[in-house]
Amino acid sequence: MFARFQLAKIFPARWIFFWILMPNLALIAMWFVGGPRLPVQIMVAGIAAIVFGSIPNRIVRAVGMVGIFAFMLISYFSRVFYLTFDKALSSLVYLSEMSLAASPGYVLAGAVLIASLAFCLWFGPKTQRPQGHFQYALAFACVMLIVQGDKAMNKADRGGYMVKAPAGTPVSSAMMSIALSPERLEADNLLVIILESVGVPNNEHDRQVFDAIWSESRWQPHYSASFGEVPFYGSTTNAEMRELCSAWDPPENLDFAQADCLPRRFANAGFETTALHGFASEFFNREAWYPAVGFERTSFRSDLIEDGASICDGVFDGVCDRDVPRRIAQILGQQPEKRKLVYWLTLNGHLPVDDNASMALGECNLGSPDWQADYPMLCRSYMVQRQIADALRGEIGKPGFANTDIVIVGDHIPPFFQNSLRSRFKTGKVPYIYLHRQPEADTLEPLELAHR
């Protein structure tokens, strides 16, 4: 009894609860569903807690508490969404463009975070600071305990959250694998599509779902199809640089004057180059760097709405992907004597995929009934893919569709929080599909009729 009393006196339990445990509580909760390893970030936050939590001034301690919470939040989300910490920090300016309230999950997480922070801000700065070297050593030992717990519980990380390519990693992309260039392109035009949040299924069930959407039989006889996989690092903008400029660097780190970017090469060869994306032009500064890589024309959310596209509500309020292939067909059909490169970055696959009426996904009817019940968000993710594939197939099979080869490639695997969902995809790989226009395509009946 006396020993327990002595331990209670020397162990700063209240201080450790508010300064060490609470800032990591959400992270610890995620250990049981899976997530990225953050041992360095936990260590940094712990040291910051020991420093700020030892300062006598309560205002400074409160500021430190807010900073620790913010640091851990940004660290976690940057890893989940394949962003470097500095890029995640700079992305905060785009929060006004996002409708986070459209996701009940984000609303709930935000409410819990705010409540936790308010709780800690009220009690934490008032808590008695550790006294003496021994109590500080105990506090640091608790930090190390959480660090070791993070390493043990997130063993499945295995590089699945790689935000940067290791130094010296050779660049690999779908465009490099297919080796298309202005000189080698047999078709009159080239369409390049980067699909938001599309990975390579690593199990038989999900592979069958993927194949039902993208299999070669869906494009025959107008197109032949070949398939492959390429590695990915980082977020969507990294994927754009991978495919457009054969680089791992994000656009803010790339010297476009020196880079060998595909759109510029096609423009220099006389192609008309156009980029389309259904979200705001200023998001990740695409309005500036799309022209820098060689796109002569761009169409973003406001432009596509003017052209007749509808809006899909969600965290990213933007143009419905299902409406974009119609606009692409119009662009390719204008001035048929002029060859064209058209690039489209899709939008609606961003997680969380909403099931509101504007998305028009309907009831999930892919895969097995058990799979539909167990993984509703995953099913909606695949249904977005099917919606895009159906819309694209509907256009390319129409009489008069321009003679165009098509490259379709994922940007990164869907950034699900749960390891049970992320583990259904190959680590570090995305799929690509190359649709090669067949010479007799113009003489064939429309795909809608041919596949009834």
Protein backbone atom coordinates (compact mmCIF):
# COMPACT_ATOMS: atom_id res chain seq x y z
CA MET A 1 0.00 0.00 0.00
CA PHE A 2 2.81 2.36 0.96
CA ALA A 3 4.69 1.48 -2.27
CA ARG A 4 1.60 2.33 -4.36
CA PHE A 5 1.25 5.64 -2.53
CA GLN A 6 4.89 6.47 -3.16
CA LEU A 7 4.55 5.59 -6.85
CA ALA A 8 1.50 7.83 -7.15
CA LYS A 9 3.51 10.67 -5.63
CA ILE A 10 6.45 10.31 -7.99
CA PHE A 11 4.52 9.44 -11.17
CA PRO A 12 3.05 12.57 -12.85
CA ALA A 13 -0.04 10.69 -14.06
CA ARG A 14 -2.31 13.71 -14.53
CA TRP A 15 0.32 15.62 -16.52
CA ILE A 16 1.10 12.57 -18.69
CA PHE A 17 -2.62 12.04 -19.36
CA PHE A 18 -3.17 15.56 -20.71
CA TRP A 19 0.19 16.16 -22.41
CA ILE A 20 1.30 12.74 -23.65
CA LEU A 21 -1.73 10.48 -23.91
CA MET A 22 -4.51 12.81 -25.10
CA PRO A 23 -2.65 14.26 -28.16
CA ASN A 24 -2.03 10.66 -29.29
CA LEU A 25 -5.38 9.18 -28.29
CA ALA A 26 -6.93 9.27 -31.78
CA LEU A 27 -3.75 7.75 -33.22
CA ILE A 28 -3.81 4.97 -30.62
CA ALA A 29 -7.48 4.28 -31.43
CA MET A 30 -6.51 3.84 -35.11
CA TRP A 31 -3.99 1.13 -34.20
CA PHE A 32 -6.87 -1.34 -34.08
CA VAL A 33 -8.01 -0.63 -37.66
CA GLY A 34 -4.57 0.05 -39.15
CA GLY A 35 -2.73 3.16 -40.20
CA PRO A 36 0.66 4.65 -41.05
CA ARG A 37 3.59 4.39 -38.69
CA LEU A 38 4.44 7.71 -37.06
CA PRO A 39 7.22 6.97 -34.54
CA VAL A 40 9.27 10.05 -35.36
CA GLN A 41 6.25 12.33 -35.21
CA ILE A 42 5.19 10.84 -31.85
CA MET A 43 8.71 11.42 -30.53
CA VAL A 44 8.73 15.04 -31.74
CA ALA A 45 5.31 15.70 -30.23
CA GLY A 46 6.38 14.07 -26.97
CA ILE A 47 9.51 16.19 -26.69
CA ALA A 48 7.46 19.29 -27.50
CA ALA A 49 5.00 18.29 -24.75
CA ILE A 50 7.82 17.95 -22.22
CA VAL A 51 9.19 21.36 -23.22
CA PHE A 52 5.90 23.31 -23.40
CA GLY A 53 4.33 21.43 -20.51
CA SER A 54 7.20 22.55 -18.28
CA ILE A 55 6.86 26.28 -18.98
CA PRO A 56 5.26 28.19 -16.07
CA ASN A 57 3.27 30.60 -18.29
CA ARG A 58 -0.18 29.11 -18.91
CA ILE A 59 -0.74 31.01 -22.16
CA VAL A 60 2.48 29.64 -23.64
CA ARG A 61 1.51 26.16 -22.44
CA ALA A 62 -1.91 26.50 -24.12
CA VAL A 63 -0.31 27.60 -27.39
CA GLY A 64 2.04 24.62 -27.16
CA MET A 65 -0.90 22.27 -26.60
CA VAL A 66 -2.68 23.56 -29.72
CA GLY A 67 0.53 23.20 -31.71
CA ILE A 68 1.03 19.59 -30.61
CA PHE A 69 -2.53 18.63 -31.55
CA ALA A 70 -2.18 20.37 -34.93
CA PHE A 71 1.18 18.73 -35.60
CA MET A 72 -0.15 15.22 -34.94
CA LEU A 73 -3.30 15.83 -36.98
CA ILE A 74 -1.41 17.11 -40.02
CA SER A 75 1.20 14.35 -39.67
CA TYR A 76 -1.45 11.64 -39.71
CA PHE A 77 -3.44 13.00 -42.62
CA SER A 78 -0.33 13.77 -44.66
CA ARG A 79 0.74 10.12 -44.47
CA VAL A 80 -2.75 8.74 -45.16
CA PHE A 81 -3.17 10.93 -48.25
CA TYR A 82 0.42 10.47 -49.52
CA LEU A 83 1.48 14.08 -48.86
CA THR A 84 4.73 15.34 -47.44
CA PHE A 85 4.23 17.31 -44.22
CA ASP A 86 5.04 20.65 -45.85
CA LYS A 87 2.64 19.93 -48.72
CA ALA A 88 -0.10 18.97 -46.28
CA LEU A 89 0.53 22.20 -44.39
CA SER A 90 0.40 24.33 -47.53
CA SER A 91 -2.79 22.50 -48.61
CA LEU A 92 -4.68 23.97 -45.65
CA VAL A 93 -5.32 27.08 -47.75
CA TYR A 94 -7.61 24.94 -49.94
CA LEU A 95 -9.94 23.91 -47.09
CA SER A 96 -12.42 26.56 -48.17
CA GLU A 97 -12.73 24.75 -51.52
CA MET A 98 -13.70 21.50 -49.79
CA SER A 99 -17.08 20.67 -48.26
CA LEU A 100 -15.94 18.63 -45.28
CA ALA A 101 -19.40 18.89 -43.71
CA ALA A 102 -20.68 16.68 -46.55
CA SER A 103 -18.96 13.71 -44.90
CA PRO A 104 -20.53 12.49 -41.61
CA GLY A 105 -17.23 10.79 -40.80
CA TYR A 106 -15.27 14.02 -41.06
CA VAL A 107 -17.92 15.86 -39.03
CA LEU A 108 -17.74 13.27 -36.25
CA ALA A 109 -13.93 13.20 -36.26
CA GLY A 110 -13.83 16.99 -36.17
CA ALA A 111 -16.25 17.13 -33.26
CA VAL A 112 -14.25 14.59 -31.26
CA LEU A 113 -11.00 16.43 -32.03
CA ILE A 114 -12.40 19.80 -30.98
CA ALA A 115 -13.86 18.33 -27.78
CA SER A 116 -10.55 16.63 -26.92
CA LEU A 117 -8.57 19.78 -27.57
CA ALA A 118 -10.97 21.91 -25.52
CA PHE A 119 -10.75 19.39 -22.66
CA CYS A 120 -6.96 19.47 -22.73
CA LEU A 121 -6.79 23.25 -23.06
CA TRP A 122 -8.99 23.65 -20.00
CA PHE A 123 -7.15 21.23 -17.74
CA GLY A 124 -3.71 20.74 -19.29
CA PRO A 125 -2.16 24.17 -18.64
CA LYS A 126 -3.41 24.04 -15.03
CA THR A 127 -1.86 20.64 -14.37
CA GLN A 128 1.17 20.57 -12.10
CA ARG A 129 4.38 20.26 -14.08
CA PRO A 130 6.75 17.30 -13.63
CA GLN A 131 9.09 17.80 -10.70
CA GLY A 132 12.70 16.72 -10.96
CA HIS A 133 14.70 14.60 -13.36
CA PHE A 134 13.02 11.36 -12.35
CA GLN A 135 9.53 12.53 -13.29
CA TYR A 136 10.79 13.90 -16.61
CA ALA A 137 12.40 10.51 -17.25
CA LEU A 138 9.07 8.84 -16.54
CA ALA A 139 7.33 11.21 -18.95
CA PHE A 140 9.86 10.44 -21.67
CA ALA A 141 9.49 6.72 -20.98
CA CYS A 142 5.74 7.06 -21.63
CA VAL A 143 6.51 8.75 -24.96
CA MET A 144 8.79 5.86 -25.91
CA LEU A 145 6.11 3.39 -24.86
CA ILE A 146 3.67 4.95 -27.35
CA VAL A 147 6.41 4.98 -30.01
CA GLN A 148 7.02 1.26 -29.54
CA GLY A 149 3.29 0.59 -29.51
CA ASP A 150 2.95 2.42 -32.82
CA LYS A 151 5.71 0.31 -34.38
CA ALA A 152 4.23 -2.93 -33.07
CA MET A 153 0.61 -2.22 -33.97
CA ASN A 154 1.28 -0.85 -37.46
CA LYS A 155 3.50 -3.62 -38.76
CA ALA A 156 1.42 -3.76 -41.95
CA ASP A 157 2.58 -0.29 -43.04
CA ARG A 158 5.35 -1.88 -45.21
CA GLY A 159 5.85 1.15 -47.42
CA GLY A 160 2.18 1.42 -48.30
CA TYR A 161 2.24 5.07 -47.24
CA MET A 162 5.34 6.12 -49.19
CA VAL A 163 5.02 9.84 -49.85
CA LYS A 164 8.39 10.23 -51.60
CA ALA A 165 10.39 7.99 -53.89
CA PRO A 166 13.67 6.90 -52.27
CA ALA A 167 16.65 8.75 -53.70
CA GLY A 168 17.85 7.22 -56.96
CA THR A 169 14.62 5.33 -57.70
CA PRO A 170 14.25 5.10 -61.51
CA VAL A 171 11.06 6.75 -62.72
CA SER A 172 8.46 4.36 -64.10
CA SER A 173 5.12 5.38 -65.57
CA ALA A 174 2.38 4.11 -67.82
CA MET A 175 3.42 6.56 -70.54
CA MET A 176 7.02 5.33 -70.36
CA SER A 177 5.91 1.67 -70.39
CA ILE A 178 3.72 2.16 -73.46
CA ALA A 179 6.39 4.40 -75.04
CA LEU A 180 3.98 6.70 -76.85
CA SER A 181 5.36 9.84 -78.43
CA PRO A 182 4.21 12.19 -81.18
CA GLU A 183 6.33 10.21 -83.63
CA ARG A 184 5.18 6.75 -82.52
CA LEU A 185 1.46 7.48 -82.13
CA GLU A 186 -0.42 5.71 -84.94
CA ALA A 187 -3.83 7.17 -84.11
CA ASP A 188 -4.64 10.78 -84.93
CA ASN A 189 -5.10 11.71 -81.28
CA LEU A 190 -4.15 10.64 -77.77
CA LEU A 191 -6.33 10.78 -74.65
CA VAL A 192 -4.60 10.36 -71.27
CA ILE A 193 -6.78 9.78 -68.19
CA ILE A 194 -5.54 9.69 -64.60
CA LEU A 195 -8.11 8.04 -62.34
CA GLU A 196 -8.43 9.37 -58.81
CA SER A 197 -7.86 6.72 -56.09
CA VAL A 198 -7.56 3.56 -58.20
CA GLY A 199 -5.22 0.77 -57.15
CA VAL A 200 -4.47 -2.81 -58.15
CA PRO A 201 -6.68 -5.40 -56.38
CA ASN A 202 -4.65 -8.14 -54.73
CA ASN A 203 -7.42 -10.71 -54.19
CA GLU A 204 -9.55 -12.76 -56.56
CA HIS A 205 -12.90 -11.24 -55.63
CA ASP A 206 -11.88 -7.61 -56.09
CA ARG A 207 -9.95 -8.50 -59.23
CA GLN A 208 -13.14 -9.87 -60.76
CA VAL A 209 -14.93 -6.62 -59.86
CA PHE A 210 -12.13 -4.59 -61.46
CA ASP A 211 -12.08 -6.79 -64.57
CA ALA A 212 -15.84 -6.51 -65.00
CA ILE A 213 -15.35 -2.74 -65.29
CA TRP A 214 -12.19 -2.53 -67.40
CA SER A 215 -11.74 -5.90 -69.17
CA GLU A 216 -10.75 -5.96 -72.85
CA SER A 217 -14.09 -7.41 -73.92
CA ARG A 218 -15.80 -4.14 -72.94
CA TRP A 219 -13.84 -2.21 -75.57
CA GLN A 220 -13.76 -4.72 -78.41
CA PRO A 221 -13.97 -4.71 -81.36
CA HIS A 222 -13.31 -0.96 -81.59
CA TYR A 223 -10.23 -1.19 -79.37
CA SER A 224 -7.62 -3.70 -78.31
CA ALA A 225 -6.56 -3.42 -74.68
CA SER A 226 -3.31 -4.10 -72.86
CA PHE A 227 -2.79 -3.90 -69.12
CA GLY A 228 0.08 -3.24 -66.76
CA GLU A 229 1.15 -1.88 -63.39
CA VAL A 230 3.49 0.91 -62.36
CA PRO A 231 4.75 2.08 -58.96
CA PHE A 232 3.41 5.19 -57.31
CA TYR A 233 4.77 7.56 -54.69
CA GLY A 234 2.99 10.51 -53.18
CA SER A 235 -0.33 12.12 -53.95
CA THR A 236 -2.29 12.92 -57.12
CA THR A 237 -0.01 15.77 -58.22
CA ASN A 238 2.96 13.40 -57.94
CA ALA A 239 1.09 10.99 -60.22
CA GLU A 240 0.50 13.79 -62.71
CA MET A 241 4.22 14.55 -62.80
CA ARG A 242 4.98 10.83 -63.09
CA GLU A 243 2.83 10.48 -66.20
CA LEU A 244 3.20 13.91 -67.80
CA CYS A 245 6.85 14.71 -67.08
CA SER A 246 8.46 11.35 -66.16
CA ALA A 247 9.39 12.70 -62.73
CA TRP A 248 8.78 11.72 -59.10
CA ASP A 249 8.93 15.31 -57.92
CA PRO A 250 5.72 17.22 -57.17
CA PRO A 251 5.05 20.20 -59.46
CA GLU A 252 6.24 22.77 -56.93
CA ASN A 253 9.71 21.17 -56.97
CA LEU A 254 10.03 20.65 -60.72
CA ASP A 255 11.86 22.97 -63.08
CA PHE A 256 9.43 22.90 -66.02
CA ALA A 257 11.86 24.76 -68.26
CA GLN A 258 14.24 21.80 -68.01
CA ALA A 259 11.73 18.96 -67.66
CA ASP A 260 10.85 16.74 -70.62
CA CYS A 261 7.06 16.98 -70.33
CA LEU A 262 4.77 15.07 -72.67
CA PRO A 263 2.30 17.91 -73.39
CA ARG A 264 5.09 20.23 -74.52
CA ARG A 265 6.55 17.55 -76.78
CA PHE A 266 3.14 17.01 -78.38
CA ALA A 267 2.53 20.76 -78.70
CA ASN A 268 5.92 21.20 -80.36
CA ALA A 269 4.96 18.45 -82.81
CA GLY A 270 1.85 20.39 -83.85
CA PHE A 271 -0.74 18.76 -81.59
CA GLU A 272 -3.42 20.85 -79.93
CA THR A 273 -3.03 20.14 -76.19
CA THR A 274 -5.91 20.38 -73.70
CA ALA A 275 -6.25 19.52 -69.99
CA LEU A 276 -9.53 18.97 -68.15
CA HIS A 277 -10.26 18.66 -64.41
CA GLY A 278 -13.63 18.96 -62.70
CA PHE A 279 -12.46 20.90 -59.65
CA ALA A 280 -11.27 24.47 -59.00
CA SER A 281 -8.41 25.72 -61.17
CA GLU A 282 -6.50 27.14 -58.18
CA PHE A 283 -6.51 23.82 -56.31
CA PHE A 284 -2.83 22.84 -56.03
CA ASN A 285 -2.13 25.73 -58.41
CA ARG A 286 -3.02 23.72 -61.52
CA GLU A 287 -4.05 26.91 -63.30
CA ALA A 288 -0.35 27.88 -63.29
CA TRP A 289 1.51 24.65 -63.89
CA TYR A 290 -0.81 23.04 -66.47
CA PRO A 291 0.28 25.68 -69.01
CA ALA A 292 3.87 25.29 -67.79
CA VAL A 293 3.95 21.60 -68.78
CA GLY A 294 2.64 22.43 -72.24
CA PHE A 295 -1.15 22.51 -72.16
CA GLU A 296 -2.37 25.28 -74.47
CA ARG A 297 -5.97 25.00 -73.27
CA THR A 298 -7.47 24.13 -69.89
CA SER A 299 -11.01 23.45 -68.69
CA PHE A 300 -11.77 23.38 -64.98
CA ARG A 301 -14.99 23.23 -62.97
CA SER A 302 -16.51 26.54 -64.07
CA ASP A 303 -15.63 25.92 -67.73
CA LEU A 304 -17.09 22.40 -67.74
CA ILE A 305 -20.28 23.59 -66.06
CA GLU A 306 -20.67 26.19 -68.82
CA ASP A 307 -20.27 23.33 -71.30
CA GLY A 308 -23.23 21.50 -69.71
CA ALA A 309 -21.67 19.28 -67.04
CA SER A 310 -23.58 18.75 -63.80
CA ILE A 311 -22.26 19.09 -60.23
CA CYS A 312 -21.63 16.12 -57.95
CA ASP A 313 -21.86 17.05 -54.27
CA GLY A 314 -19.38 15.72 -51.75
CA VAL A 315 -16.21 16.70 -49.94
CA PHE A 316 -14.94 17.88 -53.32
CA ASP A 317 -17.88 19.68 -54.93
CA GLY A 318 -17.08 19.51 -58.60
CA VAL A 319 -18.13 18.32 -62.01
CA CYS A 320 -19.54 14.80 -62.30
CA ASP A 321 -16.96 12.61 -64.00
CA ARG A 322 -19.71 10.85 -65.95
CA ASP A 323 -20.31 14.09 -67.91
CA VAL A 324 -16.71 14.73 -68.96
CA PRO A 325 -16.27 12.08 -71.71
CA ARG A 326 -19.01 13.82 -73.71
CA ARG A 327 -17.00 17.05 -73.62
CA ILE A 328 -13.81 15.18 -74.52
CA ALA A 329 -15.53 13.68 -77.58
CA GLN A 330 -16.54 17.19 -78.64
CA ILE A 331 -12.97 18.48 -78.29
CA LEU A 332 -11.55 15.56 -80.26
CA GLY A 333 -14.16 16.03 -82.97
CA GLN A 334 -13.44 19.73 -83.54
CA GLN A 335 -11.17 20.53 -86.49
CA PRO A 336 -10.54 16.87 -87.29
CA GLU A 337 -7.61 17.80 -89.49
CA LYS A 338 -5.70 18.91 -86.37
CA ARG A 339 -4.17 16.21 -84.17
CA LYS A 340 -4.85 16.48 -80.44
CA LEU A 341 -3.56 15.46 -77.03
CA VAL A 342 -6.29 15.59 -74.38
CA TYR A 343 -5.60 14.99 -70.69
CA TRP A 344 -8.28 14.36 -68.07
CA LEU A 345 -7.79 14.10 -64.31
CA THR A 346 -10.92 12.59 -62.75
CA LEU A 347 -12.41 13.80 -59.47
CA ASN A 348 -15.28 11.76 -58.03
CA GLY A 349 -13.11 8.90 -56.74
CA HIS A 350 -11.84 11.09 -53.87
CA LEU A 351 -12.56 9.51 -50.51
CA PRO A 352 -14.98 9.48 -48.90
CA VAL A 353 -17.16 8.57 -51.90
CA ASP A 354 -20.62 9.90 -51.11
CA ASP A 355 -23.82 8.09 -52.02
CA ASN A 356 -25.96 11.22 -52.41
CA ALA A 357 -28.39 11.61 -55.31
CA SER A 358 -26.07 13.87 -57.34
CA MET A 359 -23.50 11.06 -57.64
CA ALA A 360 -26.18 8.83 -59.24
CA LEU A 361 -24.37 5.66 -58.15
CA GLY A 362 -27.51 3.87 -57.02
CA GLU A 363 -27.47 0.64 -55.04
CA CYS A 364 -24.19 -1.24 -55.07
CA ASN A 365 -24.61 -4.21 -57.41
CA LEU A 366 -21.00 -5.22 -57.83
CA GLY A 367 -19.39 -8.25 -56.24
CA SER A 368 -20.98 -10.62 -53.76
CA PRO A 369 -23.76 -9.62 -51.33
CA ASP A 370 -21.46 -10.21 -48.33
CA TRP A 371 -18.76 -8.02 -49.87
CA GLN A 372 -21.30 -5.27 -50.58
CA ALA A 373 -22.43 -5.34 -46.94
CA ASP A 374 -18.92 -5.50 -45.47
CA TYR A 375 -17.27 -2.85 -47.69
CA PRO A 376 -19.87 -0.26 -48.78
CA MET A 377 -17.30 2.53 -49.30
CA LEU A 378 -15.06 0.22 -51.34
CA CYS A 379 -18.05 -0.79 -53.45
CA ARG A 380 -18.90 2.87 -54.11
CA SER A 381 -15.30 3.47 -55.13
CA TYR A 382 -15.59 0.75 -57.77
CA MET A 383 -18.98 2.05 -58.86
CA VAL A 384 -17.39 5.44 -59.61
CA GLN A 385 -14.91 3.58 -61.82
CA ARG A 386 -17.76 1.80 -63.58
CA GLN A 387 -19.57 5.09 -64.10
CA ILE A 388 -16.46 6.57 -65.74
CA ALA A 389 -15.86 3.47 -67.86
CA ASP A 390 -19.51 3.39 -68.99
CA ALA A 391 -19.48 7.06 -69.96
CA LEU A 392 -16.19 6.68 -71.83
CA ARG A 393 -17.37 3.51 -73.57
CA GLY A 394 -20.58 5.25 -74.60
CA GLU A 395 -18.61 7.98 -76.39
CA ILE A 396 -15.86 5.99 -78.06
CA GLY A 397 -18.37 3.54 -79.53
CA LYS A 398 -20.44 6.20 -81.25
CA PRO A 399 -20.19 6.67 -85.00
CA GLY A 400 -17.77 9.42 -85.84
CA PHE A 401 -15.71 9.27 -82.65
CA ALA A 402 -12.27 10.61 -83.53
CA ASN A 403 -9.42 8.18 -84.20
CA THR A 404 -7.91 8.24 -80.70
CA ASP A 405 -5.71 6.00 -78.59
CA ILE A 406 -6.42 6.08 -74.86
CA VAL A 407 -4.19 5.60 -71.81
CA ILE A 408 -5.93 5.15 -68.44
CA VAL A 409 -3.87 4.98 -65.22
CA GLY A 410 -4.48 5.23 -61.47
CA ASP A 411 -2.83 7.89 -59.35
CA HIS A 412 -2.53 6.02 -56.02
CA ILE A 413 -4.43 3.37 -54.10
CA PRO A 414 -7.56 4.65 -52.33
CA PRO A 415 -6.42 6.22 -49.03
CA PHE A 416 -8.77 4.30 -46.77
CA PHE A 417 -8.10 4.71 -43.05
CA GLN A 418 -8.75 1.05 -42.26
CA ASN A 419 -5.94 -1.37 -42.95
CA SER A 420 -8.58 -4.02 -43.76
CA LEU A 421 -9.46 -1.95 -46.85
CA ARG A 422 -6.00 -0.72 -47.83
CA SER A 423 -4.66 -4.28 -47.61
CA ARG A 424 -7.03 -5.28 -50.45
CA PHE A 425 -4.69 -3.50 -52.87
CA LYS A 426 -1.14 -4.21 -53.96
CA THR A 427 1.28 -2.09 -51.99
CA GLY A 428 2.80 0.75 -54.00
CA LYS A 429 1.23 -0.20 -57.37
CA VAL A 430 -1.39 1.31 -59.65
CA PRO A 431 -2.90 -0.18 -62.82
CA TYR A 432 -2.83 1.17 -66.34
CA ILE A 433 -4.82 0.28 -69.45
CA TYR A 434 -3.82 1.09 -73.01
CA LEU A 435 -6.70 1.14 -75.49
CA HIS A 436 -5.45 1.03 -79.07
CA ARG A 437 -7.93 2.08 -81.75
CA GLN A 438 -8.50 -0.61 -84.36
CA PRO A 439 -8.31 0.35 -88.06
CA GLU A 440 -11.81 -0.97 -88.79
CA ALA A 441 -13.43 0.85 -85.82
CA ASP A 442 -15.18 3.46 -87.97
CA THR A 443 -17.05 0.78 -89.91
CA LEU A 444 -18.38 -1.06 -86.84
CA GLU A 445 -21.75 -0.65 -85.18
CA PRO A 446 -21.90 1.39 -81.94
CA LEU A 447 -20.68 -0.34 -78.80
CA GLU A 448 -24.04 0.15 -77.09
CA LEU A 449 -25.64 -2.04 -79.78
CA ALA A 450 -22.79 -4.48 -80.24
CA HIS A 451 -22.87 -5.52 -76.55
CA ARG A 452 -26.61 -5.87 -75.98
